[in-house]
Amino acid sequence: MNKRIYELHADVCKTLANAKRLEILNALRDKDMTVNELAERVGALKANISQHLAVMRQKGILASRRDGINIYYRIANPKVIQACDIMREVLFEQLKENEKLMKGIQNLK
């Protein structure tokens, strides 16, 4: 059972290991959006956005609802955003640490 959980975890991480998908998630942080709205917001083609949305929906990261002719996408579980935010905090902490190291090296010269 543990191995299967690790495989599923890795699969979700692989799905999120794409800058455009992270950008889409960030756009969906505060409101549901259509493919057209997302394409305009992230500056990508509708076909490309649709492919990313399909992958994330298939993995359970996003959910959708139909309203007339429009399909609105939303984040299926808000913990996905929390996880992304935590990883972003780790990234910023690493960048700050690297900046400190670079300043220390420059001061040695």
N, C-alpha and C. Protein backbone atom coordinates (compact mmCIF):
# COMPACT_ATOMS: atom_id res chain seq x y z
N MET A 1 0.83 -1.20 0.00
CA MET A 1 0.00 0.00 0.00
C MET A 1 0.86 1.26 0.00
N ASN A 2 1.93 1.29 0.82
CA ASN A 2 2.80 2.47 0.87
C ASN A 2 3.40 2.80 -0.49
N LYS A 3 3.84 1.78 -1.21
CA LYS A 3 4.43 2.03 -2.53
C LYS A 3 3.42 2.67 -3.47
N ARG A 4 2.18 2.23 -3.40
CA ARG A 4 1.14 2.79 -4.27
C ARG A 4 0.89 4.26 -3.93
N ILE A 5 0.89 4.58 -2.64
CA ILE A 5 0.71 5.98 -2.22
C ILE A 5 1.85 6.84 -2.77
N TYR A 6 3.09 6.33 -2.69
CA TYR A 6 4.23 7.08 -3.24
C TYR A 6 4.09 7.28 -4.74
N GLU A 7 3.60 6.26 -5.43
CA GLU A 7 3.41 6.38 -6.88
C GLU A 7 2.36 7.43 -7.20
N LEU A 8 1.25 7.42 -6.47
CA LEU A 8 0.19 8.41 -6.70
C LEU A 8 0.68 9.82 -6.36
N HIS A 9 1.44 9.93 -5.28
CA HIS A 9 2.01 11.22 -4.87
C HIS A 9 2.93 11.75 -5.97
N ALA A 10 3.80 10.87 -6.47
CA ALA A 10 4.72 11.27 -7.54
C ALA A 10 3.95 11.69 -8.79
N ASP A 11 2.86 11.01 -9.07
CA ASP A 11 2.06 11.33 -10.25
C ASP A 11 1.46 12.73 -10.14
N VAL A 12 0.95 13.08 -8.96
CA VAL A 12 0.41 14.43 -8.76
C VAL A 12 1.53 15.46 -8.88
N CYS A 13 2.69 15.16 -8.28
CA CYS A 13 3.82 16.10 -8.37
C CYS A 13 4.27 16.28 -9.82
N LYS A 14 4.28 15.21 -10.59
CA LYS A 14 4.65 15.31 -12.01
C LYS A 14 3.66 16.21 -12.75
N THR A 15 2.40 16.07 -12.40
CA THR A 15 1.37 16.89 -13.05
C THR A 15 1.60 18.36 -12.75
N LEU A 16 2.03 18.66 -11.53
CA LEU A 16 2.24 20.05 -11.13
C LEU A 16 3.63 20.57 -11.51
N ALA A 17 4.48 19.71 -12.05
CA ALA A 17 5.84 20.11 -12.41
C ALA A 17 5.87 20.76 -13.80
N ASN A 18 5.01 21.74 -13.98
CA ASN A 18 4.90 22.44 -15.24
C ASN A 18 4.56 23.90 -14.94
N ALA A 19 5.39 24.80 -15.40
CA ALA A 19 5.21 26.22 -15.08
C ALA A 19 3.85 26.75 -15.54
N LYS A 20 3.40 26.34 -16.70
CA LYS A 20 2.11 26.84 -17.21
C LYS A 20 0.96 26.34 -16.33
N ARG A 21 1.05 25.10 -15.86
CA ARG A 21 -0.01 24.56 -14.99
C ARG A 21 -0.02 25.29 -13.66
N LEU A 22 1.15 25.62 -13.15
CA LEU A 22 1.21 26.39 -11.90
C LEU A 22 0.60 27.78 -12.10
N GLU A 23 0.86 28.35 -13.25
CA GLU A 23 0.28 29.66 -13.57
C GLU A 23 -1.25 29.58 -13.66
N ILE A 24 -1.74 28.50 -14.26
CA ILE A 24 -3.19 28.29 -14.35
C ILE A 24 -3.78 28.13 -12.95
N LEU A 25 -3.13 27.35 -12.10
CA LEU A 25 -3.61 27.18 -10.73
C LEU A 25 -3.67 28.52 -10.01
N ASN A 26 -2.64 29.31 -10.18
CA ASN A 26 -2.63 30.62 -9.53
C ASN A 26 -3.77 31.50 -10.02
N ALA A 27 -4.06 31.42 -11.32
CA ALA A 27 -5.17 32.20 -11.88
C ALA A 27 -6.51 31.75 -11.31
N LEU A 28 -6.61 30.46 -11.00
CA LEU A 28 -7.86 29.90 -10.47
C LEU A 28 -7.97 30.03 -8.95
N ARG A 29 -6.97 30.61 -8.35
CA ARG A 29 -6.90 30.73 -6.89
C ARG A 29 -8.15 31.40 -6.30
N ASP A 30 -8.62 32.46 -6.94
CA ASP A 30 -9.69 33.26 -6.35
C ASP A 30 -11.06 33.10 -7.00
N LYS A 31 -11.09 32.53 -8.22
CA LYS A 31 -12.40 32.41 -8.87
C LYS A 31 -12.37 31.35 -9.96
N ASP A 32 -13.54 30.83 -10.27
CA ASP A 32 -13.70 29.89 -11.37
C ASP A 32 -13.52 30.66 -12.68
N MET A 33 -12.93 29.99 -13.66
CA MET A 33 -12.69 30.66 -14.95
C MET A 33 -12.93 29.69 -16.10
N THR A 34 -13.25 30.26 -17.25
CA THR A 34 -13.40 29.48 -18.48
C THR A 34 -12.04 29.37 -19.18
N VAL A 35 -11.99 28.51 -20.18
CA VAL A 35 -10.77 28.36 -20.98
C VAL A 35 -10.38 29.70 -21.60
N ASN A 36 -11.37 30.42 -22.13
CA ASN A 36 -11.08 31.72 -22.75
C ASN A 36 -10.48 32.69 -21.75
N GLU A 37 -11.06 32.76 -20.57
CA GLU A 37 -10.55 33.67 -19.53
C GLU A 37 -9.12 33.28 -19.12
N LEU A 38 -8.91 31.98 -18.97
CA LEU A 38 -7.57 31.51 -18.58
C LEU A 38 -6.55 31.79 -19.67
N ALA A 39 -6.93 31.56 -20.92
CA ALA A 39 -6.00 31.80 -22.03
C ALA A 39 -5.59 33.27 -22.07
N GLU A 40 -6.55 34.15 -21.87
CA GLU A 40 -6.24 35.58 -21.86
C GLU A 40 -5.38 35.94 -20.65
N ARG A 41 -5.71 35.39 -19.51
CA ARG A 41 -5.00 35.72 -18.26
C ARG A 41 -3.54 35.26 -18.28
N VAL A 42 -3.29 34.04 -18.78
CA VAL A 42 -1.92 33.52 -18.75
C VAL A 42 -1.18 33.73 -20.07
N GLY A 43 -1.88 34.25 -21.07
CA GLY A 43 -1.22 34.54 -22.33
C GLY A 43 -0.80 33.31 -23.11
N ALA A 44 -1.74 32.39 -23.27
CA ALA A 44 -1.46 31.17 -24.03
C ALA A 44 -2.65 30.87 -24.94
N LEU A 45 -2.42 29.98 -25.88
CA LEU A 45 -3.49 29.59 -26.80
C LEU A 45 -4.54 28.75 -26.07
N LYS A 46 -5.80 28.89 -26.49
CA LYS A 46 -6.89 28.13 -25.87
C LYS A 46 -6.63 26.63 -25.95
N ALA A 47 -6.13 26.15 -27.08
CA ALA A 47 -5.88 24.72 -27.24
C ALA A 47 -4.86 24.22 -26.22
N ASN A 48 -3.82 25.01 -25.99
CA ASN A 48 -2.80 24.64 -25.02
C ASN A 48 -3.37 24.63 -23.60
N ILE A 49 -4.14 25.65 -23.27
CA ILE A 49 -4.77 25.73 -21.95
C ILE A 49 -5.71 24.54 -21.76
N SER A 50 -6.48 24.22 -22.78
CA SER A 50 -7.42 23.09 -22.70
C SER A 50 -6.71 21.78 -22.39
N GLN A 51 -5.55 21.59 -23.01
CA GLN A 51 -4.78 20.36 -22.75
C GLN A 51 -4.33 20.30 -21.30
N HIS A 52 -3.82 21.41 -20.79
CA HIS A 52 -3.38 21.45 -19.40
C HIS A 52 -4.56 21.22 -18.45
N LEU A 53 -5.69 21.84 -18.74
CA LEU A 53 -6.87 21.67 -17.90
C LEU A 53 -7.33 20.22 -17.88
N ALA A 54 -7.30 19.57 -19.04
CA ALA A 54 -7.73 18.17 -19.13
C ALA A 54 -6.85 17.28 -18.26
N VAL A 55 -5.55 17.50 -18.31
CA VAL A 55 -4.62 16.70 -17.51
C VAL A 55 -4.88 16.91 -16.03
N MET A 56 -5.03 18.17 -15.63
CA MET A 56 -5.24 18.45 -14.21
C MET A 56 -6.60 17.97 -13.73
N ARG A 57 -7.59 18.01 -14.60
CA ARG A 57 -8.91 17.49 -14.23
C ARG A 57 -8.87 15.98 -14.07
N GLN A 58 -8.15 15.32 -14.98
CA GLN A 58 -8.03 13.87 -14.93
C GLN A 58 -7.33 13.42 -13.63
N LYS A 59 -6.39 14.21 -13.16
CA LYS A 59 -5.66 13.87 -11.94
C LYS A 59 -6.38 14.32 -10.67
N GLY A 60 -7.53 14.95 -10.83
CA GLY A 60 -8.32 15.37 -9.68
C GLY A 60 -7.88 16.68 -9.05
N ILE A 61 -7.01 17.41 -9.74
CA ILE A 61 -6.53 18.69 -9.23
C ILE A 61 -7.55 19.78 -9.50
N LEU A 62 -8.23 19.67 -10.63
CA LEU A 62 -9.27 20.63 -10.99
C LEU A 62 -10.61 19.93 -11.13
N ALA A 63 -11.66 20.70 -10.98
CA ALA A 63 -13.02 20.24 -11.24
C ALA A 63 -13.65 21.24 -12.20
N SER A 64 -14.74 20.85 -12.83
CA SER A 64 -15.40 21.76 -13.78
C SER A 64 -16.90 21.70 -13.60
N ARG A 65 -17.54 22.75 -14.09
CA ARG A 65 -19.01 22.80 -14.10
C ARG A 65 -19.43 23.52 -15.37
N ARG A 66 -20.55 23.10 -15.89
CA ARG A 66 -21.09 23.72 -17.10
C ARG A 66 -22.15 24.75 -16.71
N ASP A 67 -22.09 25.89 -17.36
CA ASP A 67 -23.10 26.94 -17.19
C ASP A 67 -23.46 27.42 -18.59
N GLY A 68 -24.53 26.89 -19.13
CA GLY A 68 -24.90 27.19 -20.51
C GLY A 68 -23.87 26.61 -21.45
N ILE A 69 -23.28 27.46 -22.29
CA ILE A 69 -22.26 26.97 -23.22
C ILE A 69 -20.85 27.02 -22.63
N ASN A 70 -20.72 27.63 -21.46
CA ASN A 70 -19.40 27.78 -20.83
C ASN A 70 -19.11 26.66 -19.84
N ILE A 71 -17.85 26.27 -19.80
CA ILE A 71 -17.38 25.33 -18.78
C ILE A 71 -16.42 26.11 -17.89
N TYR A 72 -16.71 26.11 -16.62
CA TYR A 72 -15.89 26.82 -15.64
C TYR A 72 -15.03 25.82 -14.89
N TYR A 73 -13.75 26.17 -14.70
CA TYR A 73 -12.81 25.33 -13.99
C TYR A 73 -12.51 25.94 -12.64
N ARG A 74 -12.28 25.06 -11.67
CA ARG A 74 -11.92 25.50 -10.32
C ARG A 74 -10.96 24.49 -9.71
N ILE A 75 -10.32 24.91 -8.67
CA ILE A 75 -9.42 24.02 -7.95
C ILE A 75 -10.28 23.07 -7.12
N ALA A 76 -10.05 21.78 -7.27
CA ALA A 76 -10.89 20.77 -6.63
C ALA A 76 -10.73 20.76 -5.11
N ASN A 77 -9.52 21.02 -4.64
CA ASN A 77 -9.26 21.01 -3.20
C ASN A 77 -8.33 22.17 -2.88
N PRO A 78 -8.74 23.07 -1.98
CA PRO A 78 -7.91 24.25 -1.68
C PRO A 78 -6.54 23.90 -1.11
N LYS A 79 -6.37 22.68 -0.64
CA LYS A 79 -5.07 22.27 -0.11
C LYS A 79 -4.01 22.22 -1.20
N VAL A 80 -4.43 22.09 -2.45
CA VAL A 80 -3.48 22.12 -3.56
C VAL A 80 -2.80 23.49 -3.59
N ILE A 81 -3.57 24.55 -3.42
CA ILE A 81 -3.01 25.90 -3.40
C ILE A 81 -2.11 26.07 -2.17
N GLN A 82 -2.53 25.54 -1.04
CA GLN A 82 -1.70 25.63 0.17
C GLN A 82 -0.36 24.95 -0.06
N ALA A 83 -0.39 23.77 -0.69
CA ALA A 83 0.86 23.05 -0.97
C ALA A 83 1.75 23.85 -1.91
N CYS A 84 1.16 24.44 -2.94
CA CYS A 84 1.94 25.27 -3.87
C CYS A 84 2.52 26.49 -3.16
N ASP A 85 1.73 27.09 -2.27
CA ASP A 85 2.22 28.25 -1.53
C ASP A 85 3.39 27.88 -0.63
N ILE A 86 3.32 26.73 0.01
CA ILE A 86 4.42 26.28 0.87
C ILE A 86 5.68 26.05 0.04
N MET A 87 5.54 25.42 -1.10
CA MET A 87 6.70 25.19 -1.96
C MET A 87 7.27 26.51 -2.46
N ARG A 88 6.43 27.48 -2.72
CA ARG A 88 6.89 28.79 -3.16
C ARG A 88 7.67 29.47 -2.03
N GLU A 89 7.19 29.33 -0.79
CA GLU A 89 7.91 29.88 0.36
C GLU A 89 9.29 29.25 0.49
N VAL A 90 9.36 27.93 0.30
CA VAL A 90 10.65 27.23 0.34
C VAL A 90 11.57 27.79 -0.73
N LEU A 91 11.05 27.99 -1.92
CA LEU A 91 11.83 28.55 -3.03
C LEU A 91 12.38 29.92 -2.66
N PHE A 92 11.53 30.80 -2.12
CA PHE A 92 11.98 32.15 -1.76
C PHE A 92 13.04 32.10 -0.65
N GLU A 93 12.88 31.17 0.30
CA GLU A 93 13.87 31.02 1.36
C GLU A 93 15.21 30.56 0.78
N GLN A 94 15.17 29.64 -0.18
CA GLN A 94 16.39 29.18 -0.83
C GLN A 94 17.05 30.32 -1.60
N LEU A 95 16.24 31.11 -2.31
CA LEU A 95 16.80 32.23 -3.06
C LEU A 95 17.46 33.25 -2.13
N LYS A 96 16.83 33.51 -0.98
CA LYS A 96 17.40 34.43 -0.01
C LYS A 96 18.73 33.90 0.53
N GLU A 97 18.75 32.61 0.81
CA GLU A 97 19.98 31.99 1.33
C GLU A 97 21.09 32.06 0.28
N ASN A 98 20.75 31.79 -0.96
CA ASN A 98 21.74 31.88 -2.05
C ASN A 98 22.25 33.32 -2.20
N GLU A 99 21.34 34.27 -2.03
CA GLU A 99 21.73 35.68 -2.11
C GLU A 99 22.72 36.02 -1.00
N LYS A 100 22.47 35.52 0.19
CA LYS A 100 23.39 35.75 1.32
C LYS A 100 24.76 35.14 1.03
N LEU A 101 24.75 33.94 0.48
CA LEU A 101 26.02 33.27 0.15
C LEU A 101 26.80 34.07 -0.88
N MET A 102 26.10 34.57 -1.90
CA MET A 102 26.76 35.36 -2.94
C MET A 102 27.34 36.64 -2.37
N LYS A 103 26.62 37.30 -1.47
CA LYS A 103 27.14 38.52 -0.85
C LYS A 103 28.37 38.20 0.00
N GLY A 104 28.33 37.07 0.70
CA GLY A 104 29.48 36.65 1.50
C GLY A 104 30.69 36.39 0.65
N ILE A 105 30.50 35.77 -0.51
CA ILE A 105 31.61 35.50 -1.43
C ILE A 105 32.16 36.79 -1.99
N GLN A 106 31.28 37.72 -2.34
CA GLN A 106 31.73 39.01 -2.89
C GLN A 106 32.50 39.81 -1.86
N ASN A 107 32.11 39.69 -0.60
CA ASN A 107 32.82 40.41 0.47
C ASN A 107 34.21 39.86 0.71
N LEU A 108 34.45 38.60 0.33
CA LEU A 108 35.76 37.99 0.51
C LEU A 108 36.76 38.49 -0.53
N LYS A 109 36.25 39.01 -1.63
CA LYS A 109 37.14 39.44 -2.73
C LYS A 109 37.84 40.74 -2.42
